Amino acid sequence: MAIYKILYWQEIPTQIRAEDDDGDEVSVELDGKFLQQIDILAAKRGLQAADDYLAQWKWSEEAEREGSARKVAEALKAELEAKGF
């Protein structure tokens, strides 16, 4: 069993962090196109000042999923990238 959380900039996911019962911790970043989309949206929404931009980052609440930290993080990455933004 692994506990995971997802880092978002507003509604766009960018990173997954997972930890399993063995104490293994894994951090996986999503494809760079997600970061590119953040830059586009930040400009459109007028959030280019550093404080405004940084205030948009948030971690999801922790959740559990069956599997090792690595398998959970990789599966979530695949699911999120398949959904797109």
C-alpha atoms as a PDB file:
ATOM      1  CA  MET A   1       0.000   0.000   0.000  1.00  0.00           C
ATOM      2  CA  ALA A   2       1.297   3.461  -0.863  1.00  0.00           C
ATOM      3  CA  ILE A   3       0.236   6.918   0.246  1.00  0.00           C
ATOM      4  CA  TYR A   4       0.451   9.565  -2.451  1.00  0.00           C
ATOM      5  CA  LYS A   5      -0.282  13.199  -3.121  1.00  0.00           C
ATOM      6  CA  ILE A   6      -0.236  15.322  -6.271  1.00  0.00           C
ATOM      7  CA  LEU A   7       1.223  18.807  -6.676  1.00  0.00           C
ATOM      8  CA  TYR A   8      -0.970  21.197  -8.665  1.00  0.00           C
ATOM      9  CA  TRP A   9      -0.639  24.689 -10.038  1.00  0.00           C
ATOM     10  CA  GLN A  10      -4.289  25.651  -9.861  1.00  0.00           C
ATOM     11  CA  GLU A  11      -5.985  22.768 -11.732  1.00  0.00           C
ATOM     12  CA  ILE A  12      -2.887  21.490 -13.542  1.00  0.00           C
ATOM     13  CA  PRO A  13      -1.008  18.535 -11.994  1.00  0.00           C
ATOM     14  CA  THR A  14       2.786  18.610 -12.192  1.00  0.00           C
ATOM     15  CA  GLN A  15       4.264  16.098  -9.753  1.00  0.00           C
ATOM     16  CA  ILE A  16       3.377  12.968  -7.797  1.00  0.00           C
ATOM     17  CA  ARG A  17       4.945  12.016  -4.491  1.00  0.00           C
ATOM     18  CA  ALA A  18       4.360   8.533  -3.065  1.00  0.00           C
ATOM     19  CA  GLU A  19       5.612   6.592  -0.055  1.00  0.00           C
ATOM     20  CA  ASP A  20       5.011   2.929   0.691  1.00  0.00           C
ATOM     21  CA  ASP A  21       5.012   0.712   3.775  1.00  0.00           C
ATOM     22  CA  ASP A  22       8.693  -0.108   3.246  1.00  0.00           C
ATOM     23  CA  GLY A  23       9.565   3.578   3.618  1.00  0.00           C
ATOM     24  CA  ASP A  24      10.454   4.009  -0.045  1.00  0.00           C
ATOM     25  CA  GLU A  25       9.627   7.523  -1.239  1.00  0.00           C
ATOM     26  CA  VAL A  26       9.305   8.384  -4.921  1.00  0.00           C
ATOM     27  CA  SER A  27       8.769  11.698  -6.655  1.00  0.00           C
ATOM     28  CA  VAL A  28       7.754  11.719 -10.335  1.00  0.00           C
ATOM     29  CA  GLU A  29       7.277  14.776 -12.547  1.00  0.00           C
ATOM     30  CA  LEU A  30       4.727  14.907 -15.329  1.00  0.00           C
ATOM     31  CA  ASP A  31       5.650  15.702 -18.926  1.00  0.00           C
ATOM     32  CA  GLY A  32       7.009  19.189 -19.604  1.00  0.00           C
ATOM     33  CA  LYS A  33       3.871  20.105 -21.558  1.00  0.00           C
ATOM     34  CA  PHE A  34       2.095  20.519 -18.230  1.00  0.00           C
ATOM     35  CA  LEU A  35       4.612  23.180 -17.157  1.00  0.00           C
ATOM     36  CA  GLN A  36       4.251  24.885 -20.526  1.00  0.00           C
ATOM     37  CA  GLN A  37       0.501  25.029 -20.016  1.00  0.00           C
ATOM     38  CA  ILE A  38       1.035  26.594 -16.591  1.00  0.00           C
ATOM     39  CA  ASP A  39       3.133  29.364 -18.128  1.00  0.00           C
ATOM     40  CA  ILE A  40       0.432  30.039 -20.732  1.00  0.00           C
ATOM     41  CA  LEU A  41      -2.355  30.127 -18.147  1.00  0.00           C
ATOM     42  CA  ALA A  42      -0.353  32.270 -15.729  1.00  0.00           C
ATOM     43  CA  ALA A  43       0.109  34.861 -18.475  1.00  0.00           C
ATOM     44  CA  LYS A  44      -3.568  34.728 -19.504  1.00  0.00           C
ATOM     45  CA  ARG A  45      -4.724  35.028 -15.898  1.00  0.00           C
ATOM     46  CA  GLY A  46      -2.308  37.839 -15.054  1.00  0.00           C
ATOM     47  CA  LEU A  47      -0.388  35.801 -12.476  1.00  0.00           C
ATOM     48  CA  GLN A  48       3.135  36.691 -13.536  1.00  0.00           C
ATOM     49  CA  ALA A  49       4.313  38.384 -10.332  1.00  0.00           C
ATOM     50  CA  ALA A  50       6.347  35.887  -8.314  1.00  0.00           C
ATOM     51  CA  ASP A  51       4.101  35.966  -5.232  1.00  0.00           C
ATOM     52  CA  ASP A  52       0.918  35.572  -7.278  1.00  0.00           C
ATOM     53  CA  TYR A  53       2.429  32.712  -9.287  1.00  0.00           C
ATOM     54  CA  LEU A  54       3.808  30.878  -6.243  1.00  0.00           C
ATOM     55  CA  ALA A  55       0.541  31.203  -4.332  1.00  0.00           C
ATOM     56  CA  GLN A  56      -1.137  28.956  -6.915  1.00  0.00           C
ATOM     57  CA  TRP A  57       0.823  25.805  -5.985  1.00  0.00           C
ATOM     58  CA  LYS A  58      -0.880  23.284  -3.708  1.00  0.00           C
ATOM     59  CA  TRP A  59      -0.622  19.625  -2.765  1.00  0.00           C
ATOM     60  CA  SER A  60      -3.696  17.418  -2.903  1.00  0.00           C
ATOM     61  CA  GLU A  61      -4.789  15.610   0.197  1.00  0.00           C
ATOM     62  CA  GLU A  62      -3.048  12.302   0.771  1.00  0.00           C
ATOM     63  CA  ALA A  63      -4.712   9.188  -0.623  1.00  0.00           C
ATOM     64  CA  GLU A  64      -3.901   5.480  -0.587  1.00  0.00           C
ATOM     65  CA  ARG A  65      -3.491   3.064  -3.432  1.00  0.00           C
ATOM     66  CA  GLU A  66      -2.415  -0.558  -3.668  1.00  0.00           C
ATOM     67  CA  GLY A  67       1.182  -1.138  -4.804  1.00  0.00           C
ATOM     68  CA  SER A  68       4.705   0.065  -4.200  1.00  0.00           C
ATOM     69  CA  ALA A  69       5.487   3.775  -4.178  1.00  0.00           C
ATOM     70  CA  ARG A  70       7.165   3.495  -7.596  1.00  0.00           C
ATOM     71  CA  LYS A  71       4.279   1.565  -9.195  1.00  0.00           C
ATOM     72  CA  VAL A  72       1.656   3.916  -7.771  1.00  0.00           C
ATOM     73  CA  ALA A  73       3.531   7.039  -8.884  1.00  0.00           C
ATOM     74  CA  GLU A  74       4.130   5.678 -12.389  1.00  0.00           C
ATOM     75  CA  ALA A  75       0.498   4.534 -12.757  1.00  0.00           C
ATOM     76  CA  LEU A  76      -0.805   7.919 -11.649  1.00  0.00           C
ATOM     77  CA  LYS A  77       1.610   9.671 -14.015  1.00  0.00           C
ATOM     78  CA  ALA A  78       0.306   7.612 -16.930  1.00  0.00           C
ATOM     79  CA  GLU A  79      -3.319   8.297 -15.966  1.00  0.00           C
ATOM     80  CA  LEU A  80      -2.822  12.045 -15.572  1.00  0.00           C
ATOM     81  CA  GLU A  81      -0.842  12.372 -18.789  1.00  0.00           C
ATOM     82  CA  ALA A  82      -3.513  10.400 -20.667  1.00  0.00           C
ATOM     83  CA  LYS A  83      -6.182  12.830 -19.390  1.00  0.00           C
ATOM     84  CA  GLY A  84      -4.149  15.857 -20.383  1.00  0.00           C
ATOM     85  CA  PHE A  85      -5.234  19.245 -19.140  1.00  0.00           C
END
